[in-house]
């Protein structure tokens, strides 16, 4: 049974899931037969649906996949946290512990093994965003969960263990430290100014434009002022909203367009780099944080975190965000 333990020094929760250590890859992959595109046998490809747990969401149809499915969401066969059981808190002296309750799902983004999020059409990316929203809306009804992290690992260097394009979703009984730190910073700014910090960032970046990469009427793609990593890229909605799942359907296609532009430019500039993509959205089960602003962060894997970073908490970035933004902005797609 997984469990969560809290580091009392930095208030960071760590998930311990010994069952995942036993997995050979993530799913069983055989070398025969090969799908029609010539790739190795893959359980995420059509006609191999019995290699995965039954889907919890699918398009078209919503619940069960049809023969011509366009997207499937399935429970992770080797979940970091388990969905069954009661959420129990306990102590071990001064240490805090939680039972490893959560949900871990995989979003299979497209039937084609060769498709990637970078190559999908805006409409196909819109489907992925829609599926993420629907799964969050469903899982947040579970009172045991306080937050949901949606993320994508693309490429082995970024942590991907299966090549068929997919994203993942993990529902947690706690608020992740990254989100908690963002909430604290935006809360302090709001207390001083009565304004949203992210809205102020958007206003300044749209005025300055040196770190602006791309924009449409509803979303902005930019390089943050103090990126931790080279070519770190953010996507922010112009409309102030704390929770991604509250996005209306008319906003999903413009968001897909912004995400497509960001990934295409990073792929062209950096020769299809491995990357991590994370959706930052406010936790639920508590009053709406009006000071928070949901957004997407994309981190190309261009280097390694080493001793100085681990020891100091600082990051060394050899590329100024203005230079990265200019390079990405001026690409001819």
C-alpha atoms as a PDB file:
ATOM      1  CA  UNK A   1       0.000   0.000   0.000  1.00  0.00           C
ATOM      2  CA  UNK A   2       1.515   3.397  -0.931  1.00  0.00           C
ATOM      3  CA  UNK A   3       1.941   6.074   1.690  1.00  0.00           C
ATOM      4  CA  UNK A   4       2.942   9.739   1.924  1.00  0.00           C
ATOM      5  CA  UNK A   5       5.498  11.017   4.413  1.00  0.00           C
ATOM      6  CA  UNK A   6       6.142  14.659   5.259  1.00  0.00           C
ATOM      7  CA  UNK A   7       9.622  16.119   5.629  1.00  0.00           C
ATOM      8  CA  UNK A   8       9.214  18.386   8.705  1.00  0.00           C
ATOM      9  CA  UNK A   9      12.109  20.671   7.708  1.00  0.00           C
ATOM     10  CA  UNK A  10      10.806  21.927   4.359  1.00  0.00           C
ATOM     11  CA  UNK A  11       7.191  20.702   4.677  1.00  0.00           C
ATOM     12  CA  UNK A  12       7.556  18.570   1.542  1.00  0.00           C
ATOM     13  CA  UNK A  13       5.462  15.458   1.056  1.00  0.00           C
ATOM     14  CA  UNK A  14       7.117  12.414  -0.546  1.00  0.00           C
ATOM     15  CA  UNK A  15       5.123   9.573  -2.118  1.00  0.00           C
ATOM     16  CA  UNK A  16       6.420   6.074  -1.388  1.00  0.00           C
ATOM     17  CA  UNK A  17       5.056   3.480  -3.786  1.00  0.00           C
ATOM     18  CA  UNK A  18       7.057   0.297  -3.523  1.00  0.00           C
ATOM     19  CA  UNK A  19       4.806  -1.508  -5.995  1.00  0.00           C
ATOM     20  CA  UNK A  20       6.108   0.676  -8.826  1.00  0.00           C
ATOM     21  CA  UNK A  21       9.653  -0.531  -8.211  1.00  0.00           C
ATOM     22  CA  UNK A  22       8.591  -3.969  -9.409  1.00  0.00           C
ATOM     23  CA  UNK A  23       7.388  -2.801 -12.808  1.00  0.00           C
ATOM     24  CA  UNK A  24       9.625  -3.759 -15.785  1.00  0.00           C
ATOM     25  CA  UNK A  25       8.755  -0.640 -17.788  1.00  0.00           C
ATOM     26  CA  UNK A  26       5.298   0.782 -17.078  1.00  0.00           C
ATOM     27  CA  UNK A  27       3.264  -1.653 -19.077  1.00  0.00           C
ATOM     28  CA  UNK A  28       4.235  -4.990 -20.545  1.00  0.00           C
ATOM     29  CA  UNK A  29       5.635  -4.453 -24.026  1.00  0.00           C
ATOM     30  CA  UNK A  30       6.200  -7.354 -26.401  1.00  0.00           C
ATOM     31  CA  UNK A  31       8.179  -7.236 -29.639  1.00  0.00           C
ATOM     32  CA  UNK A  32       5.418  -8.822 -31.742  1.00  0.00           C
ATOM     33  CA  UNK A  33       3.277  -8.254 -33.562  1.00  0.00           C
ATOM     34  CA  UNK A  34       4.141  -4.727 -34.766  1.00  0.00           C
ATOM     35  CA  UNK A  35       1.410  -2.181 -35.535  1.00  0.00           C
ATOM     36  CA  UNK A  36       0.949  -0.954 -39.069  1.00  0.00           C
ATOM     37  CA  UNK A  37       3.255   2.044 -38.656  1.00  0.00           C
ATOM     38  CA  UNK A  38       6.175  -0.265 -37.967  1.00  0.00           C
ATOM     39  CA  UNK A  39       6.665   0.589 -34.311  1.00  0.00           C
ATOM     40  CA  UNK A  40       7.141  -2.081 -31.657  1.00  0.00           C
ATOM     41  CA  UNK A  41       4.042  -3.682 -30.240  1.00  0.00           C
ATOM     42  CA  UNK A  42       2.350  -1.134 -27.986  1.00  0.00           C
ATOM     43  CA  UNK A  43      -0.563  -1.648 -25.557  1.00  0.00           C
ATOM     44  CA  UNK A  44      -1.731   1.928 -26.164  1.00  0.00           C
ATOM     45  CA  UNK A  45      -2.382   1.272 -29.859  1.00  0.00           C
ATOM     46  CA  UNK A  46      -5.836   0.333 -31.234  1.00  0.00           C
ATOM     47  CA  UNK A  47      -6.806  -3.352 -31.039  1.00  0.00           C
ATOM     48  CA  UNK A  48      -4.626  -3.786 -27.939  1.00  0.00           C
ATOM     49  CA  UNK A  49      -7.086  -2.252 -25.491  1.00  0.00           C
ATOM     50  CA  UNK A  50      -7.127  -5.455 -23.442  1.00  0.00           C
ATOM     51  CA  UNK A  51      -3.493  -4.774 -22.522  1.00  0.00           C
ATOM     52  CA  UNK A  52      -4.617  -1.859 -20.314  1.00  0.00           C
ATOM     53  CA  UNK A  53      -7.158  -1.438 -17.531  1.00  0.00           C
ATOM     54  CA  UNK A  54     -10.665  -0.490 -18.781  1.00  0.00           C
ATOM     55  CA  UNK A  55     -10.959   3.169 -19.677  1.00  0.00           C
ATOM     56  CA  UNK A  56     -12.629   5.655 -17.329  1.00  0.00           C
ATOM     57  CA  UNK A  57     -13.183   8.151 -20.148  1.00  0.00           C
ATOM     58  CA  UNK A  58     -13.045   8.031 -23.933  1.00  0.00           C
ATOM     59  CA  UNK A  59     -13.774  10.132 -26.993  1.00  0.00           C
ATOM     60  CA  UNK A  60     -16.099   9.798 -28.714  1.00  0.00           C
ATOM     61  CA  UNK A  61     -18.645   8.433 -26.272  1.00  0.00           C
ATOM     62  CA  UNK A  62     -17.427   9.742 -22.950  1.00  0.00           C
ATOM     63  CA  UNK A  63     -17.167   6.488 -21.006  1.00  0.00           C
ATOM     64  CA  UNK A  64     -16.356   3.345 -22.997  1.00  0.00           C
ATOM     65  CA  UNK A  65     -14.110   3.400 -26.048  1.00  0.00           C
ATOM     66  CA  UNK A  66     -15.617   2.607 -29.425  1.00  0.00           C
ATOM     67  CA  UNK A  67     -13.737   0.803 -32.174  1.00  0.00           C
ATOM     68  CA  UNK A  68     -12.777   4.158 -33.693  1.00  0.00           C
ATOM     69  CA  UNK A  69     -11.754   5.871 -30.457  1.00  0.00           C
ATOM     70  CA  UNK A  70      -9.843   9.149 -30.687  1.00  0.00           C
ATOM     71  CA  UNK A  71      -8.672   9.383 -27.064  1.00  0.00           C
ATOM     72  CA  UNK A  72      -8.743   7.112 -24.023  1.00  0.00           C
ATOM     73  CA  UNK A  73      -8.160   7.716 -20.307  1.00  0.00           C
ATOM     74  CA  UNK A  74      -7.211   4.642 -18.299  1.00  0.00           C
ATOM     75  CA  UNK A  75      -6.076   3.951 -14.728  1.00  0.00           C
ATOM     76  CA  UNK A  76      -2.317   3.562 -14.517  1.00  0.00           C
ATOM     77  CA  UNK A  77      -1.548  -0.124 -14.096  1.00  0.00           C
ATOM     78  CA  UNK A  78       1.277   0.759 -11.710  1.00  0.00           C
ATOM     79  CA  UNK A  79      -0.186   3.763  -9.850  1.00  0.00           C
ATOM     80  CA  UNK A  80       1.843   6.002  -7.589  1.00  0.00           C
ATOM     81  CA  UNK A  81      -1.197   6.154  -5.267  1.00  0.00           C
ATOM     82  CA  UNK A  82      -4.172   3.841  -4.779  1.00  0.00           C
ATOM     83  CA  UNK A  83      -7.780   4.924  -5.246  1.00  0.00           C
ATOM     84  CA  UNK A  84      -9.259   2.346  -2.855  1.00  0.00           C
ATOM     85  CA  UNK A  85      -9.405   2.825   0.904  1.00  0.00           C
ATOM     86  CA  UNK A  86      -9.844   5.493   3.526  1.00  0.00           C
ATOM     87  CA  UNK A  87      -7.610   8.493   3.940  1.00  0.00           C
ATOM     88  CA  UNK A  88      -5.895   7.976   7.276  1.00  0.00           C
ATOM     89  CA  UNK A  89      -3.519  10.339   9.042  1.00  0.00           C
ATOM     90  CA  UNK A  90      -1.013   9.095  11.561  1.00  0.00           C
ATOM     91  CA  UNK A  91       2.124  10.192  13.350  1.00  0.00           C
ATOM     92  CA  UNK A  92       5.481   8.581  13.974  1.00  0.00           C
ATOM     93  CA  UNK A  93       6.891  10.712  16.761  1.00  0.00           C
ATOM     94  CA  UNK A  94       7.369  14.167  15.218  1.00  0.00           C
ATOM     95  CA  UNK A  95       6.793  12.806  11.687  1.00  0.00           C
ATOM     96  CA  UNK A  96       3.494  12.965   9.766  1.00  0.00           C
ATOM     97  CA  UNK A  97       2.194  10.173   7.583  1.00  0.00           C
ATOM     98  CA  UNK A  98      -0.804   9.717   5.283  1.00  0.00           C
ATOM     99  CA  UNK A  99      -2.196   6.579   3.695  1.00  0.00           C
ATOM    100  CA  UNK A 100      -1.338   6.569   0.005  1.00  0.00           C
ATOM    101  CA  UNK A 101      -4.788   7.458  -1.288  1.00  0.00           C
ATOM    102  CA  UNK A 102      -5.100   9.066  -4.708  1.00  0.00           C
ATOM    103  CA  UNK A 103      -5.839   8.412  -8.342  1.00  0.00           C
ATOM    104  CA  UNK A 104      -3.314   7.906 -11.140  1.00  0.00           C
ATOM    105  CA  UNK A 105      -4.588   7.962 -14.723  1.00  0.00           C
ATOM    106  CA  UNK A 106      -3.058   7.922 -18.196  1.00  0.00           C
ATOM    107  CA  UNK A 107      -4.450  10.007 -21.060  1.00  0.00           C
ATOM    108  CA  UNK A 108      -3.710   8.268 -24.364  1.00  0.00           C
ATOM    109  CA  UNK A 109      -3.787  11.311 -26.596  1.00  0.00           C
ATOM    110  CA  UNK A 110      -4.247   9.736 -30.039  1.00  0.00           C
ATOM    111  CA  UNK A 111      -4.687   6.281 -31.587  1.00  0.00           C
ATOM    112  CA  UNK A 112      -1.653   6.642 -33.862  1.00  0.00           C
ATOM    113  CA  UNK A 113       1.609   5.424 -32.350  1.00  0.00           C
ATOM    114  CA  UNK A 114       3.607   7.951 -34.374  1.00  0.00           C
ATOM    115  CA  UNK A 115       1.509  11.000 -33.392  1.00  0.00           C
ATOM    116  CA  UNK A 116       2.925  13.428 -30.848  1.00  0.00           C
ATOM    117  CA  UNK A 117       1.404  16.378 -29.031  1.00  0.00           C
ATOM    118  CA  UNK A 118       3.620  18.552 -31.240  1.00  0.00           C
ATOM    119  CA  UNK A 119       2.197  17.098 -34.454  1.00  0.00           C
ATOM    120  CA  UNK A 120      -1.467  16.959 -33.426  1.00  0.00           C
ATOM    121  CA  UNK A 121      -3.918  19.426 -34.961  1.00  0.00           C
ATOM    122  CA  UNK A 122      -5.431  22.167 -32.825  1.00  0.00           C
ATOM    123  CA  UNK A 123      -8.683  20.211 -32.688  1.00  0.00           C
ATOM    124  CA  UNK A 124      -6.892  17.066 -31.498  1.00  0.00           C
ATOM    125  CA  UNK A 125      -5.067  19.006 -28.786  1.00  0.00           C
ATOM    126  CA  UNK A 126      -8.408  20.543 -27.819  1.00  0.00           C
ATOM    127  CA  UNK A 127      -9.688  16.993 -27.206  1.00  0.00           C
ATOM    128  CA  UNK A 128      -6.769  16.343 -24.850  1.00  0.00           C
ATOM    129  CA  UNK A 129      -7.490  19.526 -22.902  1.00  0.00           C
ATOM    130  CA  UNK A 130     -11.195  18.678 -22.784  1.00  0.00           C
ATOM    131  CA  UNK A 131     -10.420  15.202 -21.418  1.00  0.00           C
ATOM    132  CA  UNK A 132      -8.157  16.701 -18.732  1.00  0.00           C
ATOM    133  CA  UNK A 133     -10.896  19.116 -17.694  1.00  0.00           C
ATOM    134  CA  UNK A 134     -13.546  16.382 -17.545  1.00  0.00           C
ATOM    135  CA  UNK A 135     -11.365  14.054 -15.488  1.00  0.00           C
ATOM    136  CA  UNK A 136     -10.536  16.836 -13.011  1.00  0.00           C
ATOM    137  CA  UNK A 137     -14.224  17.722 -12.664  1.00  0.00           C
ATOM    138  CA  UNK A 138     -15.028  14.071 -11.982  1.00  0.00           C
ATOM    139  CA  UNK A 139     -12.192  13.383  -9.526  1.00  0.00           C
ATOM    140  CA  UNK A 140     -12.612  16.591  -7.531  1.00  0.00           C
ATOM    141  CA  UNK A 141     -15.979  15.259  -6.328  1.00  0.00           C
ATOM    142  CA  UNK A 142     -13.991  12.824  -4.184  1.00  0.00           C
ATOM    143  CA  UNK A 143     -13.614  14.585  -0.829  1.00  0.00           C
ATOM    144  CA  UNK A 144     -10.383  12.703  -0.126  1.00  0.00           C
ATOM    145  CA  UNK A 145      -8.543  14.649  -2.853  1.00  0.00           C
ATOM    146  CA  UNK A 146      -7.213  18.197  -2.432  1.00  0.00           C
ATOM    147  CA  UNK A 147      -5.423  18.739  -5.718  1.00  0.00           C
ATOM    148  CA  UNK A 148      -4.719  17.201  -9.111  1.00  0.00           C
ATOM    149  CA  UNK A 149      -1.470  17.390 -11.063  1.00  0.00           C
ATOM    150  CA  UNK A 150      -1.668  16.935 -14.841  1.00  0.00           C
ATOM    151  CA  UNK A 151       1.684  16.422 -16.509  1.00  0.00           C
ATOM    152  CA  UNK A 152       3.395  15.058 -19.596  1.00  0.00           C
ATOM    153  CA  UNK A 153       6.843  13.481 -19.859  1.00  0.00           C
ATOM    154  CA  UNK A 154       8.046  13.419 -23.456  1.00  0.00           C
ATOM    155  CA  UNK A 155      11.218  11.478 -24.221  1.00  0.00           C
ATOM    156  CA  UNK A 156      13.232   9.073 -22.109  1.00  0.00           C
ATOM    157  CA  UNK A 157      15.363  11.881 -20.646  1.00  0.00           C
ATOM    158  CA  UNK A 158      12.161  13.495 -19.360  1.00  0.00           C
ATOM    159  CA  UNK A 159      10.961  10.298 -17.685  1.00  0.00           C
ATOM    160  CA  UNK A 160       8.736   8.772 -20.388  1.00  0.00           C
ATOM    161  CA  UNK A 161       8.738   4.969 -20.297  1.00  0.00           C
ATOM    162  CA  UNK A 162       6.499   4.285 -23.276  1.00  0.00           C
ATOM    163  CA  UNK A 163       6.753   6.056 -26.612  1.00  0.00           C
ATOM    164  CA  UNK A 164       3.061   6.277 -27.553  1.00  0.00           C
ATOM    165  CA  UNK A 165       2.107   9.893 -26.815  1.00  0.00           C
ATOM    166  CA  UNK A 166       0.315  10.208 -23.486  1.00  0.00           C
ATOM    167  CA  UNK A 167      -0.108  12.467 -20.480  1.00  0.00           C
ATOM    168  CA  UNK A 168      -0.765  11.565 -16.870  1.00  0.00           C
ATOM    169  CA  UNK A 169      -2.957  12.793 -14.045  1.00  0.00           C
ATOM    170  CA  UNK A 170      -2.450  12.209 -10.330  1.00  0.00           C
ATOM    171  CA  UNK A 171      -5.042  13.215  -7.723  1.00  0.00           C
ATOM    172  CA  UNK A 172      -3.465  13.902  -4.313  1.00  0.00           C
ATOM    173  CA  UNK A 173      -4.753  14.110  -0.746  1.00  0.00           C
ATOM    174  CA  UNK A 174      -2.406  17.058  -0.132  1.00  0.00           C
ATOM    175  CA  UNK A 175      -1.412  20.290  -1.905  1.00  0.00           C
ATOM    176  CA  UNK A 176       1.924  19.910  -3.767  1.00  0.00           C
ATOM    177  CA  UNK A 177       4.751  22.050  -2.441  1.00  0.00           C
ATOM    178  CA  UNK A 178       5.170  23.844  -5.786  1.00  0.00           C
ATOM    179  CA  UNK A 179       1.526  24.958  -5.793  1.00  0.00           C
ATOM    180  CA  UNK A 180       1.676  25.852  -2.092  1.00  0.00           C
ATOM    181  CA  UNK A 181       4.680  28.102  -2.738  1.00  0.00           C
ATOM    182  CA  UNK A 182       2.897  29.773  -5.667  1.00  0.00           C
ATOM    183  CA  UNK A 183      -0.184  30.289  -3.522  1.00  0.00           C
ATOM    184  CA  UNK A 184       1.895  31.893  -0.782  1.00  0.00           C
ATOM    185  CA  UNK A 185       3.656  34.253  -3.189  1.00  0.00           C
ATOM    186  CA  UNK A 186       0.490  35.320  -4.969  1.00  0.00           C
ATOM    187  CA  UNK A 187      -1.350  35.718  -1.650  1.00  0.00           C
ATOM    188  CA  UNK A 188       1.327  38.098  -0.362  1.00  0.00           C
ATOM    189  CA  UNK A 189       1.181  40.158  -3.571  1.00  0.00           C
ATOM    190  CA  UNK A 190      -2.603  40.344  -3.406  1.00  0.00           C
ATOM    191  CA  UNK A 191      -2.484  41.431   0.244  1.00  0.00           C
ATOM    192  CA  UNK A 192      -0.233  44.363  -0.722  1.00  0.00           C
ATOM    193  CA  UNK A 193      -1.861  45.404  -3.986  1.00  0.00           C
ATOM    194  CA  UNK A 194      -5.323  43.762  -4.162  1.00  0.00           C
ATOM    195  CA  UNK A 195      -4.268  42.481  -7.584  1.00  0.00           C
ATOM    196  CA  UNK A 196      -3.403  39.061  -9.018  1.00  0.00           C
ATOM    197  CA  UNK A 197       0.361  38.662  -9.439  1.00  0.00           C
ATOM    198  CA  UNK A 198      -0.030  36.632 -12.638  1.00  0.00           C
ATOM    199  CA  UNK A 199      -2.345  39.275 -14.100  1.00  0.00           C
ATOM    200  CA  UNK A 200       0.294  41.894 -13.289  1.00  0.00           C
ATOM    201  CA  UNK A 201       2.947  39.722 -14.958  1.00  0.00           C
ATOM    202  CA  UNK A 202       0.773  39.444 -18.056  1.00  0.00           C
ATOM    203  CA  UNK A 203       0.227  43.203 -18.148  1.00  0.00           C
ATOM    204  CA  UNK A 204       3.959  43.919 -17.879  1.00  0.00           C
ATOM    205  CA  UNK A 205       5.026  41.245 -20.373  1.00  0.00           C
ATOM    206  CA  UNK A 206       2.482  42.418 -22.953  1.00  0.00           C
ATOM    207  CA  UNK A 207       3.765  45.973 -22.514  1.00  0.00           C
ATOM    208  CA  UNK A 208       7.474  45.079 -22.511  1.00  0.00           C
ATOM    209  CA  UNK A 209       7.227  42.288 -25.151  1.00  0.00           C
ATOM    210  CA  UNK A 210      10.909  41.259 -24.880  1.00  0.00           C
ATOM    211  CA  UNK A 211       9.951  37.902 -23.378  1.00  0.00           C
ATOM    212  CA  UNK A 212       6.744  37.462 -25.371  1.00  0.00           C
ATOM    213  CA  UNK A 213       6.832  34.472 -27.745  1.00  0.00           C
ATOM    214  CA  UNK A 214       3.321  34.287 -29.168  1.00  0.00           C
ATOM    215  CA  UNK A 215      -0.217  35.423 -28.358  1.00  0.00           C
ATOM    216  CA  UNK A 216      -3.820  35.129 -29.459  1.00  0.00           C
ATOM    217  CA  UNK A 217      -6.941  36.802 -28.136  1.00  0.00           C
ATOM    218  CA  UNK A 218      -7.155  34.560 -25.057  1.00  0.00           C
ATOM    219  CA  UNK A 219      -3.687  33.134 -24.293  1.00  0.00           C
ATOM    220  CA  UNK A 220      -0.098  34.329 -24.088  1.00  0.00           C
ATOM    221  CA  UNK A 221       3.071  32.257 -24.563  1.00  0.00           C
ATOM    222  CA  UNK A 222       6.129  33.764 -22.885  1.00  0.00           C
ATOM    223  CA  UNK A 223       9.508  33.134 -21.329  1.00  0.00           C
ATOM    224  CA  UNK A 224       9.270  33.886 -17.583  1.00  0.00           C
ATOM    225  CA  UNK A 225      11.450  36.664 -16.179  1.00  0.00           C
ATOM    226  CA  UNK A 226      13.570  34.316 -14.028  1.00  0.00           C
ATOM    227  CA  UNK A 227      13.395  30.856 -15.659  1.00  0.00           C
ATOM    228  CA  UNK A 228      15.095  28.002 -13.871  1.00  0.00           C
ATOM    229  CA  UNK A 229      15.986  26.243 -17.116  1.00  0.00           C
ATOM    230  CA  UNK A 230      16.995  27.266 -20.675  1.00  0.00           C
ATOM    231  CA  UNK A 231      13.963  27.869 -22.904  1.00  0.00           C
ATOM    232  CA  UNK A 232      11.478  27.349 -20.068  1.00  0.00           C
ATOM    233  CA  UNK A 233       8.127  28.443 -21.512  1.00  0.00           C
ATOM    234  CA  UNK A 234       4.828  29.414 -19.875  1.00  0.00           C
ATOM    235  CA  UNK A 235       1.303  29.585 -21.275  1.00  0.00           C
ATOM    236  CA  UNK A 236      -1.062  31.925 -19.408  1.00  0.00           C
ATOM    237  CA  UNK A 237      -4.732  32.686 -20.018  1.00  0.00           C
ATOM    238  CA  UNK A 238      -5.512  36.374 -20.323  1.00  0.00           C
ATOM    239  CA  UNK A 239      -8.742  35.866 -18.348  1.00  0.00           C
ATOM    240  CA  UNK A 240      -8.202  35.595 -14.615  1.00  0.00           C
ATOM    241  CA  UNK A 241      -9.223  32.176 -13.369  1.00  0.00           C
ATOM    242  CA  UNK A 242      -7.718  30.112 -10.559  1.00  0.00           C
ATOM    243  CA  UNK A 243      -8.841  26.634 -11.664  1.00  0.00           C
ATOM    244  CA  UNK A 244      -8.213  25.074 -15.074  1.00  0.00           C
ATOM    245  CA  UNK A 245     -11.362  22.961 -14.820  1.00  0.00           C
ATOM    246  CA  UNK A 246     -13.469  26.147 -14.836  1.00  0.00           C
ATOM    247  CA  UNK A 247     -12.333  26.974 -18.378  1.00  0.00           C
ATOM    248  CA  UNK A 248     -15.278  27.144 -20.784  1.00  0.00           C
ATOM    249  CA  UNK A 249     -15.351  25.134 -23.985  1.00  0.00           C
ATOM    250  CA  UNK A 250     -14.889  28.251 -26.191  1.00  0.00           C
ATOM    251  CA  UNK A 251     -11.482  28.737 -24.503  1.00  0.00           C
ATOM    252  CA  UNK A 252     -10.185  25.223 -25.136  1.00  0.00           C
ATOM    253  CA  UNK A 253      -9.389  25.676 -28.834  1.00  0.00           C
ATOM    254  CA  UNK A 254      -7.441  28.945 -28.304  1.00  0.00           C
ATOM    255  CA  UNK A 255      -5.563  27.188 -25.494  1.00  0.00           C
ATOM    256  CA  UNK A 256      -4.805  24.300 -27.850  1.00  0.00           C
ATOM    257  CA  UNK A 257      -3.524  26.775 -30.427  1.00  0.00           C
ATOM    258  CA  UNK A 258      -1.207  28.373 -27.854  1.00  0.00           C
ATOM    259  CA  UNK A 259       0.062  24.992 -26.678  1.00  0.00           C
ATOM    260  CA  UNK A 260       0.667  23.918 -30.277  1.00  0.00           C
ATOM    261  CA  UNK A 261       2.621  27.095 -31.009  1.00  0.00           C
ATOM    262  CA  UNK A 262       4.783  26.671 -27.904  1.00  0.00           C
ATOM    263  CA  UNK A 263       5.621  23.038 -28.638  1.00  0.00           C
ATOM    264  CA  UNK A 264       6.214  23.593 -32.358  1.00  0.00           C
ATOM    265  CA  UNK A 265       8.622  26.436 -31.680  1.00  0.00           C
ATOM    266  CA  UNK A 266      10.529  24.499 -29.012  1.00  0.00           C
ATOM    267  CA  UNK A 267      10.687  21.461 -31.293  1.00  0.00           C
ATOM    268  CA  UNK A 268      11.959  23.486 -34.253  1.00  0.00           C
ATOM    269  CA  UNK A 269      14.456  25.496 -32.208  1.00  0.00           C
ATOM    270  CA  UNK A 270      15.870  22.644 -30.137  1.00  0.00           C
ATOM    271  CA  UNK A 271      15.509  19.674 -32.526  1.00  0.00           C
ATOM    272  CA  UNK A 272      12.614  17.873 -30.805  1.00  0.00           C
ATOM    273  CA  UNK A 273      13.920  18.001 -27.229  1.00  0.00           C
ATOM    274  CA  UNK A 274      12.581  15.835 -24.424  1.00  0.00           C
ATOM    275  CA  UNK A 275      10.423  17.943 -22.142  1.00  0.00           C
ATOM    276  CA  UNK A 276       8.167  18.012 -19.111  1.00  0.00           C
ATOM    277  CA  UNK A 277       4.828  19.812 -19.283  1.00  0.00           C
ATOM    278  CA  UNK A 278       2.885  20.576 -16.099  1.00  0.00           C
ATOM    279  CA  UNK A 279      -0.519  22.160 -15.582  1.00  0.00           C
ATOM    280  CA  UNK A 280      -0.526  24.454 -12.527  1.00  0.00           C
ATOM    281  CA  UNK A 281      -4.042  24.826 -11.131  1.00  0.00           C
ATOM    282  CA  UNK A 282      -5.384  25.846  -7.741  1.00  0.00           C
ATOM    283  CA  UNK A 283      -6.299  23.136  -5.213  1.00  0.00           C
ATOM    284  CA  UNK A 284      -9.915  22.497  -4.342  1.00  0.00           C
ATOM    285  CA  UNK A 285     -11.918  21.682  -1.243  1.00  0.00           C
ATOM    286  CA  UNK A 286     -11.283  25.154   0.197  1.00  0.00           C
ATOM    287  CA  UNK A 287     -12.339  28.744  -0.593  1.00  0.00           C
ATOM    288  CA  UNK A 288     -11.420  29.822  -4.137  1.00  0.00           C
ATOM    289  CA  UNK A 289      -8.022  31.598  -4.101  1.00  0.00           C
ATOM    290  CA  UNK A 290      -8.807  34.757  -6.070  1.00  0.00           C
ATOM    291  CA  UNK A 291      -5.122  35.652  -6.044  1.00  0.00           C
ATOM    292  CA  UNK A 292      -4.092  32.569  -8.057  1.00  0.00           C
ATOM    293  CA  UNK A 293      -3.999  32.165 -11.864  1.00  0.00           C
ATOM    294  CA  UNK A 294      -3.802  28.758 -13.562  1.00  0.00           C
ATOM    295  CA  UNK A 295      -1.110  28.258 -16.212  1.00  0.00           C
ATOM    296  CA  UNK A 296       0.993  25.688 -18.071  1.00  0.00           C
ATOM    297  CA  UNK A 297       4.766  25.339 -17.737  1.00  0.00           C
ATOM    298  CA  UNK A 298       6.968  23.559 -20.306  1.00  0.00           C
ATOM    299  CA  UNK A 299      10.526  22.598 -19.359  1.00  0.00           C
ATOM    300  CA  UNK A 300      12.811  21.277 -22.148  1.00  0.00           C
ATOM    301  CA  UNK A 301      15.343  18.798 -20.745  1.00  0.00           C
ATOM    302  CA  UNK A 302      18.565  20.463 -21.888  1.00  0.00           C
ATOM    303  CA  UNK A 303      20.752  19.796 -18.865  1.00  0.00           C
ATOM    304  CA  UNK A 304      20.921  18.160 -15.471  1.00  0.00           C
ATOM    305  CA  UNK A 305      20.298  19.333 -11.924  1.00  0.00           C
ATOM    306  CA  UNK A 306      23.594  18.800 -10.092  1.00  0.00           C
ATOM    307  CA  UNK A 307      25.125  19.308  -6.654  1.00  0.00           C
ATOM    308  CA  UNK A 308      24.966  23.108  -6.501  1.00  0.00           C
ATOM    309  CA  UNK A 309      21.281  23.158  -7.405  1.00  0.00           C
ATOM    310  CA  UNK A 310      20.402  20.416  -4.932  1.00  0.00           C
ATOM    311  CA  UNK A 311      22.515  21.967  -2.187  1.00  0.00           C
ATOM    312  CA  UNK A 312      21.488  25.607  -2.608  1.00  0.00           C
ATOM    313  CA  UNK A 313      18.024  25.594  -4.144  1.00  0.00           C
ATOM    314  CA  UNK A 314      19.371  27.978  -6.808  1.00  0.00           C
ATOM    315  CA  UNK A 315      19.391  27.207 -10.520  1.00  0.00           C
ATOM    316  CA  UNK A 316      22.081  28.134 -13.045  1.00  0.00           C
ATOM    317  CA  UNK A 317      20.589  29.038 -16.427  1.00  0.00           C
ATOM    318  CA  UNK A 318      23.044  29.860 -19.246  1.00  0.00           C
ATOM    319  CA  UNK A 319      20.350  31.396 -21.482  1.00  0.00           C
ATOM    320  CA  UNK A 320      18.687  34.734 -20.792  1.00  0.00           C
ATOM    321  CA  UNK A 321      14.899  34.550 -21.257  1.00  0.00           C
ATOM    322  CA  UNK A 322      14.933  37.559 -23.600  1.00  0.00           C
ATOM    323  CA  UNK A 323      17.318  35.734 -25.949  1.00  0.00           C
ATOM    324  CA  UNK A 324      15.303  32.516 -25.794  1.00  0.00           C
ATOM    325  CA  UNK A 325      12.024  34.356 -26.398  1.00  0.00           C
ATOM    326  CA  UNK A 326      13.452  36.286 -29.341  1.00  0.00           C
ATOM    327  CA  UNK A 327      14.763  33.092 -30.936  1.00  0.00           C
ATOM    328  CA  UNK A 328      11.424  31.287 -30.495  1.00  0.00           C
ATOM    329  CA  UNK A 329       9.367  34.318 -31.535  1.00  0.00           C
ATOM    330  CA  UNK A 330      11.274  34.886 -34.779  1.00  0.00           C
ATOM    331  CA  UNK A 331      11.130  31.270 -35.965  1.00  0.00           C
ATOM    332  CA  UNK A 332       9.449  30.815 -39.353  1.00  0.00           C
ATOM    333  CA  UNK A 333       7.034  27.928 -38.822  1.00  0.00           C
END
